[in-house]
Protein backbone atom coordinates (compact mmCIF):
# COMPACT_ATOMS: atom_id res chain seq x y z
CA MET A 1 67.42 -36.84 -34.14
CA SER A 2 69.67 -36.95 -37.20
CA ILE A 3 73.26 -35.88 -37.70
CA SER A 4 72.23 -32.64 -39.46
CA ASP A 5 70.09 -31.41 -36.51
CA PRO A 6 71.73 -28.61 -34.47
CA PRO A 7 72.75 -29.44 -30.90
CA PRO A 8 70.33 -28.40 -28.16
CA PRO A 9 71.03 -25.03 -26.52
CA PRO A 10 73.08 -25.17 -23.32
CA GLY A 11 71.26 -24.87 -20.02
CA PRO A 12 71.40 -21.76 -17.88
CA PRO A 13 74.72 -21.17 -16.13
CA PRO A 14 74.87 -22.10 -12.46
CA PRO A 15 74.42 -19.22 -10.01
CA PRO A 16 77.68 -17.61 -8.91
CA THR A 17 78.95 -18.72 -5.54
CA GLU A 18 79.65 -16.06 -2.97
CA LYS A 19 83.22 -16.07 -1.75
CA ARG A 20 84.11 -15.33 1.83
CA SER A 21 86.39 -12.38 2.42
CA GLY A 22 89.96 -12.93 3.54
CA CYS A 23 89.31 -10.97 6.72
CA LEU A 24 86.56 -13.38 7.80
CA THR A 25 88.80 -16.35 7.10
CA ALA A 26 91.57 -14.85 9.22
CA LEU A 27 89.16 -14.09 12.07
CA MET A 28 87.84 -17.66 11.97
CA ALA A 29 91.36 -19.08 12.08
CA ILE A 30 92.40 -16.80 14.95
CA ALA A 31 89.24 -17.62 16.92
CA GLY A 32 89.89 -21.32 16.30
CA ILE A 33 93.43 -20.98 17.64
CA PHE A 34 92.10 -19.28 20.78
CA MET A 35 89.57 -22.09 21.17
CA LEU A 36 92.41 -24.62 21.13
CA LEU A 37 93.79 -23.21 24.40
CA PRO A 38 91.02 -24.63 26.64
CA GLY A 39 91.53 -27.99 24.96
CA LEU A 40 95.24 -27.89 25.76
CA CYS A 41 94.49 -26.94 29.37
CA ALA A 42 91.99 -29.81 29.60
CA LEU A 43 94.61 -32.25 28.35
CA LEU A 44 97.17 -30.84 30.78
CA PHE A 45 94.94 -30.93 33.87
CA GLY A 46 93.41 -34.28 32.92
CA GLY A 47 96.88 -35.74 32.40
CA ILE A 48 98.12 -34.39 35.72
CA SER A 49 95.06 -35.78 37.47
CA LEU A 50 95.57 -39.17 35.82
CA SER A 51 99.25 -39.30 36.72
CA GLU A 52 98.64 -38.46 40.40
CA ASP A 53 95.57 -40.55 41.23
CA GLY A 54 95.20 -42.88 38.26
CA LYS A 55 91.75 -41.43 37.53
CA ILE A 56 90.24 -38.02 36.86
CA ALA A 57 88.73 -36.48 39.98
CA SER A 58 84.96 -36.06 39.88
CA ASP A 59 85.14 -32.32 40.58
CA ILE A 60 87.44 -31.62 37.62
CA ALA A 61 85.98 -34.12 35.10
CA PRO A 62 83.23 -31.79 33.77
CA LEU A 63 85.76 -29.01 33.24
CA VAL A 64 88.10 -31.36 31.38
CA PHE A 65 85.19 -32.51 29.21
CA LEU A 66 84.10 -28.93 28.52
CA GLY A 67 87.66 -27.93 27.62
CA LEU A 68 87.96 -30.83 25.21
CA VAL A 69 84.65 -29.94 23.55
CA VAL A 70 85.75 -26.31 23.10
CA GLY A 71 89.09 -27.51 21.71
CA ILE A 72 87.34 -29.76 19.20
CA GLY A 73 85.22 -26.76 18.21
CA GLY A 74 88.42 -24.81 17.61
CA VAL A 75 89.76 -27.53 15.35
CA ALA A 76 86.47 -27.52 13.44
CA MET A 77 86.57 -23.74 13.07
CA ILE A 78 90.13 -23.77 11.74
CA TRP A 79 89.20 -26.56 9.33
CA ALA A 80 86.16 -24.62 8.10
CA ALA A 81 88.24 -21.46 7.63
CA ILE A 82 90.82 -23.29 5.52
CA LYS A 83 88.40 -25.54 3.65
CA GLY A 84 86.04 -22.69 2.75
CA ARG A 85 88.68 -20.78 0.76
CA LYS A 86 89.36 -23.47 -1.85
CA ALA A 87 88.37 -23.00 -5.48
CA PRO A 88 85.05 -24.46 -6.64
CA ALA A 89 85.19 -28.03 -7.96
CA HIS A 90 82.94 -27.38 -10.98
CA PRO A 91 84.65 -25.80 -14.01
CA GLY A 92 81.53 -23.81 -14.95
CA THR A 93 81.53 -21.83 -11.67
CA GLU A 94 84.92 -20.19 -12.11
CA PRO A 95 84.86 -16.36 -12.15
């Protein structure tokens, strides 16, 4: 290839990315906030149980665990709602 040769043609543009609507993002954030409530209740009841007996009672432990799992899911849903709305990192995919 010499200096006088023309540059090769550019490749095909990347496919456009579909953006999520603002309504879906808001619904995901609101659902995530509602999912935080069982996690807060689990922390509250687990903390009360720990302060009274020094350990979590066996009859309430599965409910505390389930509440914490749902709360973690709420955090993940809020994070996905916020993270999914950012601009694409590649300059060629801008609208």
